[in-house]
Amino acid sequence: MTPTHRATVFDLDDTLIDTADGWPRACAAFTARHGHRWSPADTAALHGNGGWASYVAGLCGGTVGAAEVVEECTTAIIRDHAAGLVRALPGALELVREAERHGAIAVATARARRFVLAVLDGMGLTSRLNAVVCGEDVARGKPAPDAYLHAAARLGLPPADCLAVEDSPHGIRSAAAAGLRVLAIPRDGMRLPVPLTPLITDQADTATAALPVLRRLLSAQPEPMAQ
């Protein structure tokens, strides 16, 4: 039987908004004040990592905690957003509008609520979303399934009735572990690890290219049961 998706749950960073440089820049500035020289490996470690704040705190020699990292780095990137440096990715708003035509829509992210709401307000999405799950709402970040389980619960739907839209390996693992099907849009054409292939329902290179894929997935009707 072809699955029927009654809701779409979007990741935020690098799925709907372009923060590929923003968060590493904020975290690099923070760690520099505590004697750490940021590296490309650190940037890679942040990608889709629900435990990003603990990772950054660990680079500071035990002088700060994750809560301080969240507070200061979130403040920095909110300033970037106010300055127009955090924008929707091309095609992202069209993707959300298409999903809305077919059912409920939600966001599941590890970011702090004040950043998430500022960005969603700026995109004109806050009033259109049926649920928003932020870092404060779950005990474990991605790749644990908590964020997607919480989003499905808030929507009042079984996870199997929801389609996740994700860019990162951690996010894909999170959604799949929660029981959602996954439309993957890897950031900047990133090649996803081969072991993730069975976890992905479909894939596109960009949000723009994902539009017909999303439409097809959400329009699919159950096949009639054999008599």
N, C-alpha and C. Protein backbone atom coordinates (compact mmCIF):
# COMPACT_ATOMS: atom_id res chain seq x y z
N MET A 1 0.85 -1.20 0.00
CA MET A 1 0.00 0.00 0.00
C MET A 1 0.88 1.24 0.00
N THR A 2 0.57 2.21 -0.87
CA THR A 2 1.29 3.47 -0.90
C THR A 2 0.96 4.29 0.34
N PRO A 3 1.97 4.83 1.06
CA PRO A 3 1.67 5.59 2.26
C PRO A 3 0.94 6.89 1.97
N THR A 4 0.08 7.29 2.88
CA THR A 4 -0.58 8.58 2.78
C THR A 4 0.01 9.50 3.85
N HIS A 5 0.52 10.63 3.42
CA HIS A 5 1.09 11.59 4.36
C HIS A 5 0.06 12.67 4.66
N ARG A 6 -0.27 12.85 5.92
CA ARG A 6 -1.26 13.85 6.31
C ARG A 6 -0.63 15.07 6.95
N ALA A 7 0.71 15.10 7.05
CA ALA A 7 1.40 16.25 7.60
C ALA A 7 2.84 16.25 7.11
N THR A 8 3.43 17.42 7.07
CA THR A 8 4.83 17.57 6.70
C THR A 8 5.54 18.31 7.82
N VAL A 9 6.67 17.76 8.25
CA VAL A 9 7.46 18.36 9.33
C VAL A 9 8.82 18.77 8.75
N PHE A 10 9.10 20.06 8.77
CA PHE A 10 10.31 20.60 8.18
C PHE A 10 11.38 20.83 9.25
N ASP A 11 12.60 20.45 8.92
CA ASP A 11 13.75 20.98 9.63
C ASP A 11 13.86 22.47 9.28
N LEU A 12 14.67 23.22 10.04
CA LEU A 12 14.77 24.66 9.80
C LEU A 12 16.10 25.03 9.14
N ASP A 13 17.21 24.88 9.86
CA ASP A 13 18.51 25.31 9.34
C ASP A 13 18.92 24.51 8.12
N ASP A 14 19.23 25.23 7.05
CA ASP A 14 19.74 24.65 5.80
C ASP A 14 18.73 23.76 5.10
N THR A 15 17.49 23.75 5.61
CA THR A 15 16.36 23.14 4.90
C THR A 15 15.43 24.25 4.43
N LEU A 16 15.07 25.15 5.34
CA LEU A 16 14.24 26.30 4.99
C LEU A 16 15.03 27.60 4.95
N ILE A 17 16.06 27.72 5.80
CA ILE A 17 16.83 28.97 5.86
C ILE A 17 18.31 28.69 5.65
N ASP A 18 19.01 29.70 5.16
CA ASP A 18 20.44 29.57 4.89
C ASP A 18 21.24 30.05 6.09
N THR A 19 21.68 29.09 6.90
CA THR A 19 22.54 29.41 8.04
C THR A 19 23.84 28.61 7.99
N ALA A 20 24.21 28.16 6.79
CA ALA A 20 25.41 27.33 6.66
C ALA A 20 26.65 28.03 7.18
N ASP A 21 26.69 29.37 7.04
CA ASP A 21 27.82 30.15 7.54
C ASP A 21 27.51 30.82 8.88
N GLY A 22 26.23 31.10 9.12
CA GLY A 22 25.86 31.90 10.29
C GLY A 22 26.18 31.26 11.63
N TRP A 23 25.75 30.02 11.82
CA TRP A 23 26.01 29.37 13.10
C TRP A 23 27.49 29.10 13.32
N PRO A 24 28.23 28.59 12.32
CA PRO A 24 29.67 28.44 12.54
C PRO A 24 30.36 29.77 12.86
N ARG A 25 29.94 30.84 12.22
CA ARG A 25 30.54 32.16 12.50
C ARG A 25 30.28 32.57 13.95
N ALA A 26 29.04 32.39 14.41
CA ALA A 26 28.71 32.76 15.79
C ALA A 26 29.47 31.89 16.79
N CYS A 27 29.55 30.60 16.49
CA CYS A 27 30.24 29.68 17.41
C CYS A 27 31.75 29.90 17.40
N ALA A 28 32.29 30.22 16.22
CA ALA A 28 33.73 30.48 16.13
C ALA A 28 34.10 31.71 16.94
N ALA A 29 33.27 32.75 16.87
CA ALA A 29 33.55 33.96 17.65
C ALA A 29 33.47 33.67 19.15
N PHE A 30 32.50 32.85 19.52
CA PHE A 30 32.36 32.50 20.94
C PHE A 30 33.56 31.72 21.44
N THR A 31 33.96 30.68 20.71
CA THR A 31 35.08 29.86 21.17
C THR A 31 36.39 30.61 21.12
N ALA A 32 36.53 31.56 20.21
CA ALA A 32 37.76 32.36 20.15
C ALA A 32 37.97 33.14 21.44
N ARG A 33 36.88 33.57 22.05
CA ARG A 33 36.99 34.31 23.32
C ARG A 33 37.44 33.40 24.46
N HIS A 34 37.40 32.09 24.20
CA HIS A 34 37.81 31.13 25.22
C HIS A 34 39.04 30.32 24.77
N GLY A 35 39.77 30.88 23.80
CA GLY A 35 41.06 30.32 23.43
C GLY A 35 41.06 29.20 22.41
N HIS A 36 39.93 28.96 21.74
CA HIS A 36 39.89 27.88 20.75
C HIS A 36 39.92 28.45 19.34
N ARG A 37 40.74 27.87 18.50
CA ARG A 37 40.79 28.26 17.08
C ARG A 37 39.85 27.34 16.30
N TRP A 38 38.82 27.91 15.72
CA TRP A 38 37.81 27.16 15.00
C TRP A 38 38.40 26.50 13.76
N SER A 39 37.88 25.32 13.41
CA SER A 39 38.40 24.57 12.26
C SER A 39 37.25 24.10 11.38
N PRO A 40 37.54 23.71 10.14
CA PRO A 40 36.50 23.14 9.28
C PRO A 40 35.85 21.90 9.90
N ALA A 41 36.61 21.14 10.67
CA ALA A 41 36.03 19.97 11.34
C ALA A 41 34.97 20.39 12.35
N ASP A 42 35.18 21.52 13.01
CA ASP A 42 34.17 22.02 13.95
C ASP A 42 32.89 22.42 13.22
N THR A 43 33.04 23.07 12.07
CA THR A 43 31.87 23.43 11.27
C THR A 43 31.09 22.18 10.87
N ALA A 44 31.81 21.16 10.42
CA ALA A 44 31.15 19.91 10.03
C ALA A 44 30.44 19.26 11.21
N ALA A 45 31.03 19.36 12.38
CA ALA A 45 30.45 18.74 13.57
C ALA A 45 29.13 19.40 13.98
N LEU A 46 28.94 20.65 13.61
CA LEU A 46 27.69 21.35 13.96
C LEU A 46 26.52 20.92 13.10
N HIS A 47 26.76 20.42 11.90
CA HIS A 47 25.72 20.22 10.92
C HIS A 47 24.66 19.23 11.39
N GLY A 48 23.47 19.74 11.66
CA GLY A 48 22.36 18.90 12.06
C GLY A 48 22.50 18.29 13.44
N ASN A 49 23.42 18.79 14.23
CA ASN A 49 23.74 18.19 15.54
C ASN A 49 22.87 18.81 16.63
N GLY A 50 21.94 18.03 17.17
CA GLY A 50 21.08 18.54 18.23
C GLY A 50 21.83 18.87 19.50
N GLY A 51 23.02 18.28 19.67
CA GLY A 51 23.85 18.58 20.83
C GLY A 51 24.93 19.60 20.54
N TRP A 52 24.65 20.51 19.61
CA TRP A 52 25.65 21.48 19.15
C TRP A 52 26.21 22.33 20.28
N ALA A 53 25.36 22.74 21.22
CA ALA A 53 25.82 23.64 22.29
C ALA A 53 26.80 22.92 23.21
N SER A 54 26.54 21.67 23.51
CA SER A 54 27.47 20.89 24.33
C SER A 54 28.79 20.69 23.60
N TYR A 55 28.71 20.48 22.28
CA TYR A 55 29.93 20.34 21.50
C TYR A 55 30.77 21.62 21.59
N VAL A 56 30.14 22.76 21.40
CA VAL A 56 30.86 24.03 21.44
C VAL A 56 31.42 24.30 22.83
N ALA A 57 30.63 24.00 23.85
CA ALA A 57 31.11 24.19 25.22
C ALA A 57 32.34 23.34 25.48
N GLY A 58 32.37 22.14 24.90
CA GLY A 58 33.51 21.25 25.09
C GLY A 58 34.79 21.76 24.48
N LEU A 59 34.67 22.68 23.52
CA LEU A 59 35.86 23.26 22.89
C LEU A 59 36.48 24.37 23.75
N CYS A 60 35.79 24.75 24.81
CA CYS A 60 36.21 25.91 25.59
C CYS A 60 36.92 25.53 26.88
N GLY A 61 37.40 24.31 26.98
CA GLY A 61 38.22 23.91 28.11
C GLY A 61 37.51 23.86 29.43
N GLY A 62 36.21 23.60 29.41
CA GLY A 62 35.47 23.47 30.66
C GLY A 62 35.15 24.79 31.35
N THR A 63 35.32 25.89 30.65
CA THR A 63 35.09 27.21 31.27
C THR A 63 33.65 27.69 31.13
N VAL A 64 32.87 27.06 30.24
CA VAL A 64 31.49 27.49 30.02
C VAL A 64 30.60 26.25 29.93
N GLY A 65 29.29 26.48 30.05
CA GLY A 65 28.31 25.42 29.90
C GLY A 65 27.50 25.61 28.64
N ALA A 66 26.72 24.58 28.30
CA ALA A 66 25.92 24.62 27.08
C ALA A 66 24.91 25.76 27.10
N ALA A 67 24.35 26.07 28.28
CA ALA A 67 23.34 27.14 28.35
C ALA A 67 23.94 28.48 27.94
N GLU A 68 25.18 28.74 28.34
CA GLU A 68 25.84 30.00 27.97
C GLU A 68 26.11 30.04 26.47
N VAL A 69 26.49 28.89 25.91
CA VAL A 69 26.70 28.82 24.46
C VAL A 69 25.41 29.16 23.72
N VAL A 70 24.31 28.53 24.12
CA VAL A 70 23.03 28.79 23.46
C VAL A 70 22.67 30.27 23.56
N GLU A 71 22.80 30.84 24.74
CA GLU A 71 22.42 32.23 24.95
C GLU A 71 23.22 33.18 24.07
N GLU A 72 24.54 33.05 24.10
CA GLU A 72 25.37 34.02 23.38
C GLU A 72 25.34 33.81 21.87
N CYS A 73 25.40 32.56 21.43
CA CYS A 73 25.40 32.31 19.99
C CYS A 73 24.04 32.62 19.37
N THR A 74 22.97 32.34 20.10
CA THR A 74 21.64 32.69 19.61
C THR A 74 21.49 34.20 19.49
N THR A 75 21.98 34.93 20.47
CA THR A 75 21.92 36.40 20.39
C THR A 75 22.67 36.90 19.17
N ALA A 76 23.83 36.30 18.89
CA ALA A 76 24.62 36.72 17.75
C ALA A 76 23.90 36.48 16.43
N ILE A 77 23.28 35.32 16.29
CA ILE A 77 22.66 35.03 15.00
C ILE A 77 21.31 35.74 14.85
N ILE A 78 20.68 36.08 15.95
CA ILE A 78 19.49 36.93 15.87
C ILE A 78 19.87 38.31 15.36
N ARG A 79 21.05 38.80 15.76
CA ARG A 79 21.54 40.07 15.20
C ARG A 79 21.76 39.93 13.69
N ASP A 80 22.32 38.79 13.27
CA ASP A 80 22.49 38.55 11.84
C ASP A 80 21.14 38.57 11.12
N HIS A 81 20.15 37.94 11.73
CA HIS A 81 18.82 37.91 11.13
C HIS A 81 18.25 39.31 11.01
N ALA A 82 18.40 40.11 12.06
CA ALA A 82 17.90 41.49 12.02
C ALA A 82 18.61 42.31 10.95
N ALA A 83 19.86 41.96 10.66
CA ALA A 83 20.63 42.67 9.63
C ALA A 83 20.38 42.12 8.23
N GLY A 84 19.48 41.15 8.11
CA GLY A 84 19.14 40.59 6.81
C GLY A 84 20.08 39.53 6.31
N LEU A 85 20.90 38.97 7.20
CA LEU A 85 21.89 37.97 6.80
C LEU A 85 21.37 36.54 6.87
N VAL A 86 20.20 36.34 7.45
CA VAL A 86 19.59 35.01 7.51
C VAL A 86 18.34 35.05 6.63
N ARG A 87 18.38 34.34 5.53
CA ARG A 87 17.30 34.40 4.55
C ARG A 87 16.75 33.01 4.26
N ALA A 88 15.52 33.00 3.75
CA ALA A 88 14.94 31.73 3.28
C ALA A 88 15.73 31.24 2.09
N LEU A 89 15.94 29.94 2.02
CA LEU A 89 16.59 29.35 0.86
C LEU A 89 15.68 29.46 -0.37
N PRO A 90 16.26 29.60 -1.55
CA PRO A 90 15.42 29.66 -2.76
C PRO A 90 14.51 28.44 -2.84
N GLY A 91 13.23 28.71 -3.04
CA GLY A 91 12.25 27.63 -3.18
C GLY A 91 11.66 27.12 -1.89
N ALA A 92 12.22 27.56 -0.73
CA ALA A 92 11.76 27.01 0.54
C ALA A 92 10.32 27.40 0.86
N LEU A 93 9.97 28.66 0.65
CA LEU A 93 8.61 29.10 0.96
C LEU A 93 7.59 28.40 0.05
N GLU A 94 7.95 28.21 -1.19
CA GLU A 94 7.06 27.50 -2.11
C GLU A 94 6.86 26.05 -1.64
N LEU A 95 7.91 25.47 -1.10
CA LEU A 95 7.82 24.10 -0.60
C LEU A 95 6.85 24.02 0.58
N VAL A 96 6.93 25.00 1.50
CA VAL A 96 6.02 25.02 2.64
C VAL A 96 4.58 25.24 2.17
N ARG A 97 4.38 26.14 1.23
CA ARG A 97 3.02 26.41 0.74
C ARG A 97 2.43 25.18 0.07
N GLU A 98 3.24 24.44 -0.66
CA GLU A 98 2.75 23.21 -1.29
C GLU A 98 2.36 22.19 -0.23
N ALA A 99 3.20 22.05 0.79
CA ALA A 99 2.88 21.10 1.87
C ALA A 99 1.58 21.50 2.57
N GLU A 100 1.38 22.79 2.74
CA GLU A 100 0.17 23.28 3.42
C GLU A 100 -1.09 22.93 2.64
N ARG A 101 -0.99 22.85 1.34
CA ARG A 101 -2.14 22.48 0.50
C ARG A 101 -2.62 21.07 0.78
N HIS A 102 -1.73 20.23 1.31
CA HIS A 102 -2.02 18.81 1.46
C HIS A 102 -2.30 18.39 2.90
N GLY A 103 -2.04 19.26 3.88
CA GLY A 103 -2.27 18.86 5.26
C GLY A 103 -1.57 19.78 6.24
N ALA A 104 -1.43 19.32 7.45
CA ALA A 104 -0.79 20.12 8.50
C ALA A 104 0.70 20.28 8.21
N ILE A 105 1.29 21.36 8.74
CA ILE A 105 2.72 21.60 8.58
C ILE A 105 3.31 21.97 9.94
N ALA A 106 4.57 21.57 10.14
CA ALA A 106 5.25 21.82 11.40
C ALA A 106 6.74 22.02 11.14
N VAL A 107 7.42 22.53 12.17
CA VAL A 107 8.88 22.66 12.15
C VAL A 107 9.44 21.93 13.36
N ALA A 108 10.52 21.19 13.17
CA ALA A 108 11.20 20.51 14.27
C ALA A 108 12.69 20.84 14.18
N THR A 109 13.20 21.55 15.17
CA THR A 109 14.57 22.05 15.13
C THR A 109 15.20 22.01 16.51
N ALA A 110 16.53 21.99 16.54
CA ALA A 110 17.26 22.02 17.81
C ALA A 110 17.52 23.43 18.30
N ARG A 111 17.14 24.44 17.53
CA ARG A 111 17.48 25.82 17.88
C ARG A 111 16.57 26.38 18.97
N ALA A 112 17.07 27.44 19.60
CA ALA A 112 16.34 28.09 20.69
C ALA A 112 15.08 28.77 20.16
N ARG A 113 14.04 28.73 20.96
CA ARG A 113 12.74 29.24 20.53
C ARG A 113 12.79 30.70 20.08
N ARG A 114 13.56 31.53 20.77
CA ARG A 114 13.54 32.95 20.41
C ARG A 114 14.13 33.18 19.02
N PHE A 115 15.11 32.37 18.63
CA PHE A 115 15.62 32.46 17.26
C PHE A 115 14.60 31.90 16.28
N VAL A 116 14.05 30.75 16.59
CA VAL A 116 13.11 30.10 15.68
C VAL A 116 11.91 31.00 15.40
N LEU A 117 11.34 31.58 16.44
CA LEU A 117 10.16 32.43 16.24
C LEU A 117 10.50 33.70 15.48
N ALA A 118 11.69 34.27 15.73
CA ALA A 118 12.11 35.45 14.99
C ALA A 118 12.21 35.15 13.50
N VAL A 119 12.79 34.01 13.17
CA VAL A 119 12.96 33.63 11.77
C VAL A 119 11.61 33.31 11.12
N LEU A 120 10.80 32.54 11.82
CA LEU A 120 9.50 32.17 11.25
C LEU A 120 8.61 33.40 11.07
N ASP A 121 8.66 34.33 12.02
CA ASP A 121 7.92 35.58 11.87
C ASP A 121 8.39 36.34 10.64
N GLY A 122 9.72 36.40 10.47
CA GLY A 122 10.28 37.10 9.32
C GLY A 122 9.88 36.48 8.00
N MET A 123 9.65 35.19 7.99
CA MET A 123 9.24 34.48 6.78
C MET A 123 7.72 34.48 6.60
N GLY A 124 7.00 35.00 7.58
CA GLY A 124 5.55 35.01 7.51
C GLY A 124 4.92 33.64 7.71
N LEU A 125 5.60 32.77 8.47
CA LEU A 125 5.12 31.40 8.62
C LEU A 125 4.50 31.08 9.97
N THR A 126 4.74 31.91 10.97
CA THR A 126 4.33 31.55 12.33
C THR A 126 2.86 31.17 12.42
N SER A 127 1.98 31.97 11.84
CA SER A 127 0.55 31.72 11.96
C SER A 127 0.09 30.55 11.08
N ARG A 128 0.94 30.10 10.17
CA ARG A 128 0.54 29.04 9.25
C ARG A 128 0.93 27.66 9.76
N LEU A 129 1.84 27.61 10.71
CA LEU A 129 2.34 26.32 11.20
C LEU A 129 1.41 25.76 12.26
N ASN A 130 1.19 24.46 12.22
CA ASN A 130 0.35 23.79 13.21
C ASN A 130 1.12 23.37 14.45
N ALA A 131 2.44 23.31 14.35
CA ALA A 131 3.28 22.96 15.51
C ALA A 131 4.70 23.43 15.24
N VAL A 132 5.37 23.86 16.32
CA VAL A 132 6.78 24.24 16.25
C VAL A 132 7.48 23.58 17.44
N VAL A 133 8.45 22.74 17.16
CA VAL A 133 9.23 22.06 18.20
C VAL A 133 10.64 22.65 18.19
N CYS A 134 11.08 23.17 19.34
CA CYS A 134 12.38 23.82 19.46
C CYS A 134 13.28 23.03 20.42
N GLY A 135 14.49 23.48 20.55
CA GLY A 135 15.45 22.77 21.38
C GLY A 135 15.01 22.63 22.82
N GLU A 136 14.28 23.62 23.35
CA GLU A 136 13.84 23.58 24.73
C GLU A 136 12.76 22.52 24.98
N ASP A 137 12.17 22.00 23.90
CA ASP A 137 11.02 21.12 24.05
C ASP A 137 11.37 19.65 24.23
N VAL A 138 12.63 19.29 24.01
CA VAL A 138 13.00 17.87 24.03
C VAL A 138 14.24 17.66 24.89
N ALA A 139 14.33 16.46 25.45
CA ALA A 139 15.48 16.13 26.29
C ALA A 139 16.70 15.80 25.46
N ARG A 140 16.48 15.22 24.28
CA ARG A 140 17.59 14.80 23.42
C ARG A 140 17.42 15.41 22.03
N GLY A 141 18.51 15.97 21.52
CA GLY A 141 18.47 16.54 20.19
C GLY A 141 18.70 15.50 19.11
N LYS A 142 18.60 15.91 17.87
CA LYS A 142 18.88 15.04 16.74
C LYS A 142 20.34 14.57 16.84
N PRO A 143 20.62 13.29 16.57
CA PRO A 143 19.84 12.30 15.82
C PRO A 143 18.85 11.48 16.63
N ALA A 144 18.69 11.75 17.93
CA ALA A 144 17.62 11.08 18.68
C ALA A 144 16.27 11.43 18.06
N PRO A 145 15.27 10.59 18.18
CA PRO A 145 13.99 10.81 17.50
C PRO A 145 13.06 11.80 18.20
N ASP A 146 13.47 12.32 19.35
CA ASP A 146 12.56 13.09 20.21
C ASP A 146 11.83 14.23 19.50
N ALA A 147 12.56 15.03 18.72
CA ALA A 147 11.94 16.21 18.10
C ALA A 147 10.82 15.81 17.15
N TYR A 148 11.03 14.77 16.37
CA TYR A 148 10.00 14.35 15.42
C TYR A 148 8.86 13.62 16.10
N LEU A 149 9.15 12.87 17.13
CA LEU A 149 8.07 12.26 17.90
C LEU A 149 7.19 13.34 18.54
N HIS A 150 7.85 14.38 19.06
CA HIS A 150 7.12 15.47 19.70
C HIS A 150 6.26 16.22 18.67
N ALA A 151 6.81 16.44 17.49
CA ALA A 151 6.06 17.14 16.45
C ALA A 151 4.83 16.33 16.03
N ALA A 152 4.99 15.04 15.82
CA ALA A 152 3.85 14.20 15.43
C ALA A 152 2.78 14.20 16.52
N ALA A 153 3.22 14.15 17.79
CA ALA A 153 2.27 14.16 18.90
C ALA A 153 1.50 15.47 18.94
N ARG A 154 2.20 16.58 18.72
CA ARG A 154 1.51 17.87 18.72
C ARG A 154 0.52 17.99 17.57
N LEU A 155 0.83 17.32 16.47
CA LEU A 155 -0.09 17.34 15.33
C LEU A 155 -1.24 16.35 15.52
N GLY A 156 -1.12 15.47 16.52
CA GLY A 156 -2.15 14.47 16.77
C GLY A 156 -2.17 13.37 15.74
N LEU A 157 -0.99 13.06 15.19
CA LEU A 157 -0.91 12.06 14.13
C LEU A 157 0.13 11.00 14.47
N PRO A 158 -0.04 9.78 13.97
CA PRO A 158 1.03 8.79 14.08
C PRO A 158 2.22 9.26 13.25
N PRO A 159 3.44 9.02 13.69
CA PRO A 159 4.60 9.41 12.90
C PRO A 159 4.56 8.91 11.46
N ALA A 160 4.00 7.72 11.24
CA ALA A 160 3.95 7.15 9.90
C ALA A 160 3.10 7.97 8.94
N ASP A 161 2.24 8.83 9.48
CA ASP A 161 1.40 9.69 8.64
C ASP A 161 2.09 11.02 8.33
N CYS A 162 3.34 11.17 8.75
CA CYS A 162 4.05 12.43 8.56
C CYS A 162 5.26 12.23 7.65
N LEU A 163 5.55 13.24 6.86
CA LEU A 163 6.73 13.28 6.00
C LEU A 163 7.69 14.33 6.56
N ALA A 164 8.92 13.94 6.81
CA ALA A 164 9.95 14.88 7.26
C ALA A 164 10.72 15.40 6.05
N VAL A 165 11.10 16.67 6.11
CA VAL A 165 11.97 17.26 5.08
C VAL A 165 13.24 17.69 5.78
N GLU A 166 14.36 17.08 5.41
CA GLU A 166 15.62 17.23 6.15
C GLU A 166 16.81 17.39 5.20
N ASP A 167 17.86 18.06 5.73
CA ASP A 167 19.07 18.22 4.92
C ASP A 167 20.26 17.43 5.46
N SER A 168 20.28 17.07 6.74
CA SER A 168 21.49 16.54 7.36
C SER A 168 21.38 15.06 7.71
N PRO A 169 22.50 14.36 7.77
CA PRO A 169 22.46 12.97 8.22
C PRO A 169 21.86 12.80 9.60
N HIS A 170 22.22 13.67 10.56
CA HIS A 170 21.64 13.58 11.89
C HIS A 170 20.11 13.74 11.83
N GLY A 171 19.64 14.70 11.05
CA GLY A 171 18.21 14.93 10.95
C GLY A 171 17.48 13.78 10.29
N ILE A 172 18.09 13.21 9.26
CA ILE A 172 17.48 12.05 8.58
C ILE A 172 17.37 10.88 9.55
N ARG A 173 18.43 10.64 10.30
CA ARG A 173 18.38 9.55 11.29
C ARG A 173 17.30 9.81 12.34
N SER A 174 17.18 11.04 12.77
CA SER A 174 16.18 11.40 13.78
C SER A 174 14.77 11.12 13.28
N ALA A 175 14.47 11.62 12.09
CA ALA A 175 13.12 11.44 11.54
C ALA A 175 12.81 9.97 11.29
N ALA A 176 13.76 9.26 10.72
CA ALA A 176 13.53 7.84 10.43
C ALA A 176 13.36 7.03 11.71
N ALA A 177 14.15 7.35 12.73
CA ALA A 177 14.02 6.64 14.01
C ALA A 177 12.67 6.89 14.66
N ALA A 178 12.09 8.06 14.39
CA ALA A 178 10.77 8.38 14.93
C ALA A 178 9.65 7.71 14.15
N GLY A 179 9.96 7.19 12.98
CA GLY A 179 8.95 6.51 12.17
C GLY A 179 8.39 7.34 11.04
N LEU A 180 8.98 8.52 10.78
CA LEU A 180 8.53 9.34 9.66
C LEU A 180 9.24 8.90 8.39
N ARG A 181 8.60 9.10 7.25
CA ARG A 181 9.29 8.99 5.98
C ARG A 181 10.03 10.30 5.73
N VAL A 182 11.06 10.24 4.89
CA VAL A 182 11.98 11.37 4.78
C VAL A 182 12.20 11.77 3.33
N LEU A 183 11.98 13.06 3.07
CA LEU A 183 12.44 13.69 1.83
C LEU A 183 13.73 14.41 2.16
N ALA A 184 14.83 13.97 1.58
CA ALA A 184 16.14 14.54 1.87
C ALA A 184 16.50 15.60 0.84
N ILE A 185 16.99 16.75 1.33
CA ILE A 185 17.51 17.80 0.46
C ILE A 185 18.90 18.14 0.99
N PRO A 186 19.91 17.35 0.64
CA PRO A 186 21.25 17.56 1.22
C PRO A 186 21.79 18.95 0.94
N ARG A 187 22.38 19.56 1.95
CA ARG A 187 22.91 20.91 1.84
C ARG A 187 24.04 20.99 0.82
N ASP A 188 23.95 21.98 -0.07
CA ASP A 188 25.01 22.26 -1.05
C ASP A 188 25.41 21.02 -1.84
N GLY A 189 24.42 20.17 -2.15
CA GLY A 189 24.72 18.99 -2.95
C GLY A 189 25.56 17.96 -2.25
N MET A 190 25.60 17.99 -0.92
CA MET A 190 26.40 17.04 -0.15
C MET A 190 26.00 15.61 -0.48
N ARG A 191 26.99 14.74 -0.61
CA ARG A 191 26.73 13.33 -0.83
C ARG A 191 26.44 12.67 0.52
N LEU A 192 25.26 12.11 0.66
CA LEU A 192 24.87 11.49 1.92
C LEU A 192 25.54 10.13 2.06
N PRO A 193 25.87 9.75 3.29
CA PRO A 193 26.48 8.43 3.51
C PRO A 193 25.57 7.31 2.99
N VAL A 194 26.19 6.31 2.39
CA VAL A 194 25.44 5.19 1.81
C VAL A 194 24.51 4.52 2.83
N PRO A 195 24.91 4.35 4.10
CA PRO A 195 23.99 3.69 5.05
C PRO A 195 22.67 4.43 5.26
N LEU A 196 22.61 5.71 4.86
CA LEU A 196 21.35 6.45 5.02
C LEU A 196 20.34 6.12 3.93
N THR A 197 20.79 5.54 2.84
CA THR A 197 19.90 5.32 1.69
C THR A 197 18.60 4.62 2.05
N PRO A 198 18.62 3.55 2.88
CA PRO A 198 17.35 2.89 3.21
C PRO A 198 16.40 3.75 4.05
N LEU A 199 16.93 4.83 4.65
CA LEU A 199 16.10 5.67 5.51
C LEU A 199 15.38 6.77 4.74
N ILE A 200 15.71 6.93 3.47
CA ILE A 200 15.21 8.05 2.68
C ILE A 200 14.13 7.57 1.72
N THR A 201 12.99 8.26 1.74
CA THR A 201 11.90 7.95 0.81
C THR A 201 12.18 8.51 -0.56
N ASP A 202 12.70 9.76 -0.59
CA ASP A 202 13.06 10.39 -1.86
C ASP A 202 14.06 11.49 -1.57
N GLN A 203 14.63 12.06 -2.63
CA GLN A 203 15.71 13.01 -2.47
C GLN A 203 15.69 14.03 -3.60
N ALA A 204 16.13 15.26 -3.30
CA ALA A 204 16.28 16.30 -4.32
C ALA A 204 17.50 17.13 -3.97
N ASP A 205 18.04 17.82 -4.97
CA ASP A 205 19.27 18.58 -4.76
C ASP A 205 19.04 19.93 -4.09
N THR A 206 17.88 20.54 -4.33
CA THR A 206 17.56 21.86 -3.78
C THR A 206 16.08 21.90 -3.42
N ALA A 207 15.70 22.93 -2.66
CA ALA A 207 14.29 23.10 -2.32
C ALA A 207 13.46 23.31 -3.58
N THR A 208 13.98 24.03 -4.54
CA THR A 208 13.25 24.25 -5.79
C THR A 208 13.03 22.93 -6.52
N ALA A 209 14.08 22.12 -6.61
CA ALA A 209 13.95 20.82 -7.27
C ALA A 209 13.06 19.87 -6.49
N ALA A 210 12.95 20.11 -5.17
CA ALA A 210 12.14 19.22 -4.32
C ALA A 210 10.64 19.46 -4.48
N LEU A 211 10.24 20.58 -5.07
CA LEU A 211 8.81 20.91 -5.12
C LEU A 211 7.98 19.83 -5.82
N PRO A 212 8.33 19.40 -7.04
CA PRO A 212 7.50 18.34 -7.66
C PRO A 212 7.61 17.01 -6.91
N VAL A 213 8.74 16.76 -6.27
CA VAL A 213 8.89 15.53 -5.49
C VAL A 213 7.94 15.55 -4.30
N LEU A 214 7.94 16.68 -3.58
CA LEU A 214 7.04 16.83 -2.44
C LEU A 214 5.58 16.70 -2.88
N ARG A 215 5.24 17.34 -3.98
CA ARG A 215 3.86 17.30 -4.47
C ARG A 215 3.45 15.85 -4.77
N ARG A 216 4.35 15.11 -5.38
CA ARG A 216 4.05 13.71 -5.70
C ARG A 216 3.88 12.88 -4.44
N LEU A 217 4.77 13.06 -3.48
CA LEU A 217 4.69 12.29 -2.24
C LEU A 217 3.42 12.59 -1.46
N LEU A 218 3.04 13.86 -1.43
CA LEU A 218 1.87 14.24 -0.65
C LEU A 218 0.55 13.99 -1.37
N SER A 219 0.62 13.83 -2.68
CA SER A 219 -0.60 13.57 -3.46
C SER A 219 -0.90 12.10 -3.59
N ALA A 220 0.06 11.25 -3.21
CA ALA A 220 -0.12 9.81 -3.37
C ALA A 220 -1.33 9.33 -2.59
N GLN A 221 -2.14 8.52 -3.21
CA GLN A 221 -3.32 7.94 -2.57
C GLN A 221 -3.07 6.45 -2.29
N PRO A 222 -3.66 5.94 -1.23
CA PRO A 222 -3.49 4.51 -0.95
C PRO A 222 -4.00 3.65 -2.10
N GLU A 223 -3.26 2.61 -2.40
CA GLU A 223 -3.75 1.66 -3.39
C GLU A 223 -4.88 0.82 -2.80
N PRO A 224 -5.87 0.47 -3.60
CA PRO A 224 -6.95 -0.37 -3.08
C PRO A 224 -6.43 -1.72 -2.61
N MET A 225 -7.00 -2.19 -1.51
CA MET A 225 -6.58 -3.49 -0.99
C MET A 225 -7.04 -4.61 -1.91
N ALA A 226 -6.19 -5.60 -2.05
CA ALA A 226 -6.52 -6.73 -2.91
C ALA A 226 -7.71 -7.49 -2.32
N GLN A 227 -8.61 -7.91 -3.20
CA GLN A 227 -9.80 -8.67 -2.77
C GLN A 227 -9.45 -10.15 -2.62
